[in-house]
Amino acid sequence: MTQGPDLYSDDETANAEFADGLYGDGDGGAEDEPRKRHRLRRGLILVVSAGLVVALLALGGLWYLTDRYAGNIARIPDVFGSLNEADRPPVPTQQPGVSGIPTTFLLVGSDVRAPGQTTGEAATAQAGNQRSDVIMVVQLAADRKSAFAISIPRDSFVPVPGYGTTKINAAYAYGGASLLVQTVENLTKVRIDHFMAVDFEGFKAITDALGGVDVRIAAATSAHGSDFQAGLNHLDGDAALAYVRQRYQLPGGDFDRVQRHQNYLRAVMAKVSQEHLVTNPARLDNFLVALTDSVSVDDQLSNVDLFSMAVSLRSLKPSDVAFMTVPVTGTGTEGTASVVYLDKAKGDAMWNYVRQGTLDDHLSEFDQLPATPR
């Protein structure tokens, strides 16, 4: 085969002649037209091929990210399958002038005392395994520009289908995620779209992956081997776990602990926002791996759904999230159990705003998480 000259050589005359023969000089006449059309087809093929390669690389990268992070999250089977659709609250409808509809999660923190992390195992959210230490209804606004988290105290005295009126966290022990969803939907008349669970070891893993979080505390306390001072405290995983579990030495007991759960979540959001993790791929990867390894979600939430949701929430700031506790009238005793009595009138008003998508307009009617909880 005849070889052309070296296009990177110093022989400019030879290179020019070879290039003229390859690309044409525009003066070749009719005899050059077939060759020109062949070169055009070859150029188009190269452009299309390059485009396909770029597209495949992009899809491959998306698949890798989705599989590495969203695919790392364990699925809880059949959370909603056993629920009677006719008895459930209706799916929210799109409001005039608003794109999309809200998405509502039931977030549960379990009080299992296993020696290692259990979130991510399908059995953790099944009946009889554990009780729910944290119960939050978290709704993402339709436009994804705001969100709120409403805590329901674990000792709330409410009707649990099939078990009479008892503590709400017993629903998780009796019937797993499905019964807890049913109980919360019956209480609030708000449709739960997805379920998410994290255990105490998950709290530690997420905190340590962030290099710790900063929380403000109203007064000095001690719990589970950790000492907390009044003011700003930097917590590693063990200290964060002690912080969210403490209720003794707190004037409000479980009510103060509920606020600590919220304050911890606010601190995690603040740390993620302040650290600008997107500019530090290694730190971001460590955090996302720890986060996704620490939670379980219902099996109706696909990897694509998770990825799309994460993208839609990329601009959400801690200040865009309102933290509240469902209104209560006080505490009491039922049999030998200490319980929390919910304020039905105020609670119904709150959940009605939630269903209408107007809670943002009525936040002043309810107590929100203070800047420095106990």
Protein backbone atom coordinates (compact mmCIF):
# COMPACT_ATOMS: atom_id res chain seq x y z
CA MET A 1 0.00 0.00 0.00
CA THR A 2 1.30 3.44 -0.91
CA GLN A 3 1.91 5.55 2.15
CA GLY A 4 1.41 9.33 2.28
CA PRO A 5 4.11 11.55 3.65
CA ASP A 6 4.39 12.25 7.34
CA LEU A 7 1.96 15.08 8.02
CA TYR A 8 4.07 16.07 11.01
CA SER A 9 7.34 16.16 9.05
CA ASP A 10 9.15 19.27 7.89
CA ASP A 11 8.56 18.54 4.20
CA GLU A 12 5.92 21.25 3.65
CA THR A 13 5.69 20.68 -0.13
CA ALA A 14 5.03 16.96 0.21
CA ASN A 15 2.53 17.54 3.01
CA ALA A 16 0.66 20.13 0.99
CA GLU A 17 0.47 17.82 -2.01
CA PHE A 18 -0.80 14.94 0.11
CA ALA A 19 -3.39 17.13 1.83
CA ASP A 20 -4.54 18.48 -1.52
CA GLY A 21 -5.03 14.95 -2.76
CA LEU A 22 -6.95 13.98 0.38
CA TYR A 23 -9.28 16.96 0.77
CA GLY A 24 -9.26 18.50 -2.74
CA ASP A 25 -8.58 22.11 -3.62
CA GLY A 26 -11.98 23.00 -5.03
CA ASP A 27 -10.74 23.11 -8.64
CA GLY A 28 -10.81 19.43 -9.50
CA GLY A 29 -13.81 19.63 -11.82
CA ALA A 30 -16.51 17.03 -12.37
CA GLU A 31 -14.13 14.11 -12.07
CA ASP A 32 -13.64 14.94 -8.36
CA GLU A 33 -17.36 14.89 -7.42
CA PRO A 34 -17.59 11.14 -6.53
CA ARG A 35 -14.51 11.48 -4.38
CA LYS A 36 -15.97 14.55 -2.66
CA ARG A 37 -19.26 12.76 -1.94
CA HIS A 38 -17.30 9.80 -0.51
CA ARG A 39 -15.35 12.13 1.78
CA LEU A 40 -18.60 13.83 2.87
CA ARG A 41 -20.21 10.49 3.73
CA ARG A 42 -17.10 9.42 5.61
CA GLY A 43 -17.09 12.72 7.54
CA LEU A 44 -20.74 12.33 8.47
CA ILE A 45 -20.12 8.77 9.63
CA LEU A 46 -17.26 9.98 11.82
CA VAL A 47 -19.41 12.76 13.35
CA VAL A 48 -22.32 10.40 14.05
CA SER A 49 -19.98 7.78 15.48
CA ALA A 50 -18.36 10.33 17.77
CA GLY A 51 -21.79 11.46 18.93
CA LEU A 52 -22.80 7.90 19.71
CA VAL A 53 -19.60 7.36 21.68
CA VAL A 54 -20.24 10.52 23.74
CA ALA A 55 -23.86 9.48 24.34
CA LEU A 56 -22.82 5.99 25.42
CA LEU A 57 -20.19 7.41 27.76
CA ALA A 58 -22.78 9.76 29.27
CA LEU A 59 -25.28 6.94 29.71
CA GLY A 60 -22.56 4.75 31.15
CA GLY A 61 -21.64 7.47 33.63
CA LEU A 62 -25.29 7.93 34.60
CA TRP A 63 -25.69 4.18 35.03
CA TYR A 64 -22.53 4.05 37.15
CA LEU A 65 -23.68 6.88 39.42
CA THR A 66 -27.20 5.51 39.71
CA ASP A 67 -25.95 2.02 40.46
CA ARG A 68 -23.23 3.16 42.87
CA TYR A 69 -25.45 5.40 44.96
CA ALA A 70 -29.15 4.75 44.38
CA GLY A 71 -28.38 1.08 43.76
CA ASN A 72 -26.65 0.98 47.14
CA ILE A 73 -29.94 1.61 48.93
CA ALA A 74 -31.75 -1.49 50.16
CA ARG A 75 -35.42 -1.89 49.31
CA ILE A 76 -38.14 -2.83 51.77
CA PRO A 77 -40.56 -5.15 49.99
CA ASP A 78 -44.32 -4.69 49.72
CA VAL A 79 -44.73 -1.66 51.99
CA PHE A 80 -47.86 -0.49 50.17
CA GLY A 81 -49.04 -3.72 48.54
CA SER A 82 -51.12 -4.90 51.50
CA LEU A 83 -52.95 -1.56 51.90
CA ASN A 84 -56.50 -1.27 50.63
CA GLU A 85 -56.35 1.47 48.00
CA ALA A 86 -59.99 2.39 48.54
CA ASP A 87 -59.25 3.24 52.19
CA ARG A 88 -56.17 5.35 51.49
CA PRO A 89 -56.09 9.15 51.10
CA PRO A 90 -56.31 10.24 47.46
CA VAL A 91 -53.26 11.05 45.36
CA PRO A 92 -52.69 14.85 45.43
CA THR A 93 -53.78 16.71 42.33
CA GLN A 94 -51.74 19.34 40.55
CA GLN A 95 -52.59 22.84 41.73
CA PRO A 96 -53.29 25.64 39.19
CA GLY A 97 -50.13 27.41 38.15
CA VAL A 98 -47.88 24.85 39.87
CA SER A 99 -45.75 22.34 38.03
CA GLY A 100 -45.82 18.83 39.52
CA ILE A 101 -47.28 17.57 42.79
CA PRO A 102 -45.81 17.23 46.30
CA THR A 103 -44.02 14.04 47.34
CA THR A 104 -44.51 12.79 50.89
CA PHE A 105 -42.19 10.46 52.79
CA LEU A 106 -42.69 8.70 56.09
CA LEU A 107 -39.23 8.81 57.69
CA VAL A 108 -38.53 6.39 60.52
CA GLY A 109 -35.54 6.09 62.82
CA SER A 110 -35.50 2.70 64.49
CA ASP A 111 -34.44 1.98 68.06
CA VAL A 112 -33.00 -1.46 67.31
CA ARG A 113 -30.03 -2.21 69.56
CA ALA A 114 -28.12 -4.52 67.22
CA PRO A 115 -24.32 -4.58 67.53
CA GLY A 116 -23.91 -3.37 63.93
CA GLN A 117 -25.81 -1.48 61.29
CA THR A 118 -29.11 -3.08 60.34
CA THR A 119 -30.65 -0.54 57.98
CA GLY A 120 -30.40 -1.86 54.47
CA GLU A 121 -31.54 -5.33 55.42
CA ALA A 122 -35.05 -6.17 54.27
CA ALA A 123 -35.94 -7.70 57.64
CA THR A 124 -35.36 -4.49 59.60
CA ALA A 125 -38.72 -2.97 58.70
CA GLN A 126 -40.75 -6.11 59.15
CA ALA A 127 -43.18 -6.82 61.94
CA GLY A 128 -41.77 -7.55 65.37
CA ASN A 129 -38.19 -6.45 64.72
CA GLN A 130 -38.09 -3.03 66.34
CA ARG A 131 -39.96 0.07 67.40
CA SER A 132 -39.74 3.47 65.75
CA ASP A 133 -37.83 6.03 67.81
CA VAL A 134 -38.26 8.74 65.16
CA ILE A 135 -41.43 9.27 63.11
CA MET A 136 -41.53 12.18 60.66
CA VAL A 137 -43.83 13.09 57.82
CA VAL A 138 -41.59 14.84 55.30
CA GLN A 139 -43.16 16.55 52.31
CA LEU A 140 -41.26 17.99 49.36
CA ALA A 141 -43.14 20.88 47.74
CA ALA A 142 -44.35 20.45 44.17
CA ASP A 143 -41.79 22.98 42.90
CA ARG A 144 -39.05 21.43 45.09
CA LYS A 145 -38.18 24.89 46.43
CA SER A 146 -39.28 24.13 49.99
CA ALA A 147 -40.02 21.23 52.30
CA PHE A 148 -41.20 20.53 55.81
CA ALA A 149 -40.74 17.79 58.39
CA ILE A 150 -43.46 17.17 60.98
CA SER A 151 -42.49 14.90 63.86
CA ILE A 152 -45.06 12.66 65.54
CA PRO A 153 -43.94 11.76 69.10
CA ARG A 154 -43.36 8.03 69.38
CA ASP A 155 -45.68 7.77 72.43
CA SER A 156 -48.63 9.45 70.68
CA PHE A 157 -51.83 7.68 71.74
CA VAL A 158 -53.61 6.92 68.46
CA PRO A 159 -55.77 4.23 66.85
CA VAL A 160 -53.67 1.44 65.31
CA PRO A 161 -55.70 -0.72 62.89
CA GLY A 162 -56.32 -4.11 64.43
CA TYR A 163 -54.82 -3.22 67.82
CA GLY A 164 -57.05 -0.52 69.26
CA THR A 165 -55.73 2.79 70.57
CA THR A 166 -52.12 2.56 71.67
CA LYS A 167 -48.72 4.17 71.18
CA ILE A 168 -48.01 4.95 67.55
CA ASN A 169 -44.57 3.35 67.59
CA ALA A 170 -46.20 0.03 68.51
CA ALA A 171 -47.60 -0.06 64.97
CA TYR A 172 -44.07 -0.53 63.63
CA ALA A 173 -43.46 -3.38 66.06
CA TYR A 174 -46.80 -5.08 65.38
CA GLY A 175 -47.01 -4.72 61.61
CA GLY A 176 -43.79 -3.25 60.25
CA ALA A 177 -43.66 -0.44 57.72
CA SER A 178 -47.07 -1.22 56.19
CA LEU A 179 -49.01 -0.92 59.44
CA LEU A 180 -47.16 2.26 60.41
CA VAL A 181 -47.99 3.82 57.02
CA GLN A 182 -51.63 2.83 57.42
CA THR A 183 -51.71 4.26 60.96
CA VAL A 184 -50.19 7.58 59.90
CA GLU A 185 -52.46 7.88 56.85
CA ASN A 186 -55.53 7.22 59.01
CA LEU A 187 -54.35 9.85 61.51
CA THR A 188 -53.38 12.58 59.06
CA LYS A 189 -55.48 11.85 55.96
CA VAL A 190 -52.26 12.62 54.06
CA ARG A 191 -51.17 10.09 51.44
CA ILE A 192 -47.72 8.64 52.05
CA ASP A 193 -45.85 8.18 48.77
CA HIS A 194 -42.67 6.56 50.07
CA PHE A 195 -41.16 5.06 53.21
CA MET A 196 -37.58 5.51 54.43
CA ALA A 197 -35.88 3.96 57.47
CA VAL A 198 -32.51 4.54 59.15
CA ASP A 199 -31.12 2.97 62.31
CA PHE A 200 -28.82 4.37 65.00
CA GLU A 201 -25.68 3.02 63.35
CA GLY A 202 -26.76 4.85 60.22
CA PHE A 203 -26.74 8.12 62.16
CA LYS A 204 -23.13 7.46 63.10
CA ALA A 205 -22.00 6.51 59.61
CA ILE A 206 -23.56 9.58 57.98
CA THR A 207 -22.08 11.90 60.61
CA ASP A 208 -18.57 10.49 60.34
CA ALA A 209 -18.65 10.61 56.53
CA LEU A 210 -19.26 14.36 56.84
CA GLY A 211 -16.39 14.80 59.27
CA GLY A 212 -18.87 15.54 62.05
CA VAL A 213 -21.69 18.09 62.34
CA ASP A 214 -22.20 21.26 64.40
CA VAL A 215 -25.26 21.73 66.61
CA ARG A 216 -26.22 24.46 69.05
CA ILE A 217 -27.45 23.35 72.48
CA ALA A 218 -29.28 25.52 75.01
CA ALA A 219 -27.74 24.08 78.19
CA ALA A 220 -24.94 21.71 79.20
CA THR A 221 -25.92 18.02 79.50
CA SER A 222 -24.30 14.59 79.45
CA ALA A 223 -25.54 11.32 77.98
CA HIS A 224 -24.15 7.94 76.97
CA GLY A 225 -20.55 8.95 77.64
CA SER A 226 -20.71 12.27 75.79
CA ASP A 227 -20.69 15.75 77.32
CA PHE A 228 -22.47 18.63 75.61
CA GLN A 229 -21.76 22.25 76.42
CA ALA A 230 -24.10 25.21 76.09
CA GLY A 231 -23.60 26.77 72.69
CA LEU A 232 -21.93 25.26 69.63
CA ASN A 233 -20.87 21.59 69.75
CA HIS A 234 -19.01 19.63 67.08
CA LEU A 235 -20.26 16.04 67.11
CA ASP A 236 -18.66 12.95 65.64
CA GLY A 237 -20.72 9.84 64.99
CA ASP A 238 -20.73 8.51 68.56
CA ALA A 239 -21.53 11.91 70.05
CA ALA A 240 -24.28 12.50 67.48
CA LEU A 241 -25.87 9.19 68.41
CA ALA A 242 -25.73 10.11 72.11
CA TYR A 243 -27.22 13.51 71.27
CA VAL A 244 -30.27 12.20 69.39
CA ARG A 245 -30.92 9.45 71.95
CA GLN A 246 -30.83 11.62 75.08
CA ARG A 247 -34.06 12.41 76.93
CA TYR A 248 -33.05 12.35 80.62
CA GLN A 249 -31.75 15.70 81.94
CA LEU A 250 -33.94 17.38 79.32
CA PRO A 251 -36.86 19.36 80.80
CA GLY A 252 -39.20 18.33 78.00
CA GLY A 253 -38.13 14.67 77.93
CA ASP A 254 -39.22 13.08 74.66
CA PHE A 255 -40.46 16.42 73.30
CA ASP A 256 -36.94 17.83 73.60
CA ARG A 257 -35.52 14.67 72.06
CA VAL A 258 -37.85 15.10 69.08
CA GLN A 259 -36.38 18.56 68.58
CA ARG A 260 -32.89 17.09 68.80
CA HIS A 261 -33.75 14.70 65.98
CA GLN A 262 -34.82 17.68 63.89
CA ASN A 263 -31.80 19.74 64.90
CA TYR A 264 -29.50 16.92 63.86
CA LEU A 265 -31.11 16.71 60.41
CA ARG A 266 -30.81 20.48 60.07
CA ALA A 267 -27.12 20.24 61.00
CA VAL A 268 -26.51 17.55 58.38
CA MET A 269 -28.15 19.70 55.71
CA ALA A 270 -26.10 22.71 56.80
CA LYS A 271 -22.86 20.74 56.70
CA VAL A 272 -23.57 19.42 53.21
CA SER A 273 -24.40 22.95 52.05
CA GLN A 274 -21.38 24.59 53.70
CA GLU A 275 -18.85 22.00 52.60
CA HIS A 276 -19.62 22.45 48.89
CA LEU A 277 -19.16 18.72 48.47
CA VAL A 278 -19.69 18.90 44.72
CA THR A 279 -16.24 20.51 44.43
CA ASN A 280 -14.61 17.68 46.41
CA PRO A 281 -15.39 14.42 44.58
CA ALA A 282 -13.69 12.18 47.14
CA ARG A 283 -15.59 13.67 50.11
CA LEU A 284 -18.82 13.67 48.13
CA ASP A 285 -18.36 10.03 47.21
CA ASN A 286 -17.68 9.03 50.83
CA PHE A 287 -20.77 10.88 52.01
CA LEU A 288 -23.08 9.49 49.32
CA VAL A 289 -21.86 5.94 49.87
CA ALA A 290 -22.39 6.26 53.64
CA LEU A 291 -25.78 7.90 53.20
CA THR A 292 -27.12 5.37 50.73
CA ASP A 293 -25.70 2.48 52.73
CA SER A 294 -27.44 3.75 55.86
CA VAL A 295 -31.04 3.93 54.67
CA SER A 296 -33.72 1.60 53.35
CA VAL A 297 -36.64 2.67 51.16
CA ASP A 298 -39.80 1.07 49.83
CA ASP A 299 -39.43 -1.02 46.68
CA GLN A 300 -41.66 1.33 44.66
CA LEU A 301 -38.96 4.01 44.72
CA SER A 302 -36.72 3.17 41.77
CA ASN A 303 -33.11 4.19 41.23
CA VAL A 304 -34.20 6.55 38.45
CA ASP A 305 -36.77 8.12 40.80
CA LEU A 306 -34.11 8.67 43.43
CA PHE A 307 -31.66 10.16 40.97
CA SER A 308 -34.29 12.50 39.50
CA MET A 309 -35.39 13.56 42.99
CA ALA A 310 -31.82 14.32 44.04
CA VAL A 311 -31.33 16.49 40.94
CA SER A 312 -34.60 18.37 41.56
CA LEU A 313 -33.56 19.12 45.17
CA ARG A 314 -30.04 20.32 44.40
CA SER A 315 -30.90 23.96 45.20
CA LEU A 316 -32.82 23.27 48.43
CA LYS A 317 -31.17 25.02 51.40
CA PRO A 318 -31.56 24.32 55.14
CA SER A 319 -33.48 27.59 55.48
CA ASP A 320 -36.03 26.26 52.98
CA VAL A 321 -37.02 23.41 55.32
CA ALA A 322 -39.48 23.97 58.19
CA PHE A 323 -39.27 21.58 61.16
CA MET A 324 -42.32 21.17 63.41
CA THR A 325 -43.96 18.75 65.84
CA VAL A 326 -47.62 17.80 65.56
CA PRO A 327 -49.63 19.80 68.19
CA VAL A 328 -50.20 18.03 71.51
CA THR A 329 -52.31 18.72 74.57
CA GLY A 330 -50.03 17.00 77.07
CA THR A 331 -49.03 13.64 78.49
CA GLY A 332 -50.74 11.03 80.64
CA THR A 333 -50.91 7.36 81.52
CA GLU A 334 -52.87 4.59 79.86
CA GLY A 335 -52.61 1.46 81.96
CA THR A 336 -48.92 1.31 82.84
CA ALA A 337 -47.78 3.20 79.76
CA SER A 338 -46.87 6.87 79.54
CA VAL A 339 -48.48 8.38 76.47
CA VAL A 340 -48.76 11.65 74.56
CA TYR A 341 -52.19 13.08 73.75
CA LEU A 342 -52.46 14.86 70.40
CA ASP A 343 -54.39 18.10 69.92
CA LYS A 344 -57.03 16.96 67.44
CA ALA A 345 -58.31 20.40 66.43
CA LYS A 346 -54.90 21.96 65.78
CA GLY A 347 -53.60 18.73 64.29
CA ASP A 348 -56.49 18.47 61.87
CA ALA A 349 -55.86 22.07 60.78
CA MET A 350 -52.17 21.34 60.21
CA TRP A 351 -52.79 18.21 58.16
CA ASN A 352 -55.47 19.99 56.16
CA TYR A 353 -52.90 22.61 55.13
CA VAL A 354 -50.57 19.78 54.20
CA ARG A 355 -53.18 18.17 51.97
CA GLN A 356 -53.91 21.50 50.30
CA GLY A 357 -50.24 22.29 49.80
CA THR A 358 -50.61 25.56 51.75
CA LEU A 359 -48.69 24.85 54.97
CA ASP A 360 -45.99 27.36 53.96
CA ASP A 361 -48.63 30.08 54.26
CA HIS A 362 -49.63 29.04 57.80
CA LEU A 363 -46.33 28.25 59.52
CA SER A 364 -46.85 31.02 62.07
CA GLU A 365 -49.81 29.09 63.49
CA PHE A 366 -47.55 26.29 64.74
CA ASP A 367 -44.45 25.95 66.88
CA GLN A 368 -41.31 25.46 64.84
CA LEU A 369 -37.86 24.18 65.76
CA PRO A 370 -36.01 26.96 67.64
CA ALA A 371 -32.55 28.07 66.60
CA THR A 372 -31.08 26.58 69.79
CA PRO A 373 -33.12 23.67 71.17
CA ARG A 374 -32.34 22.03 74.50
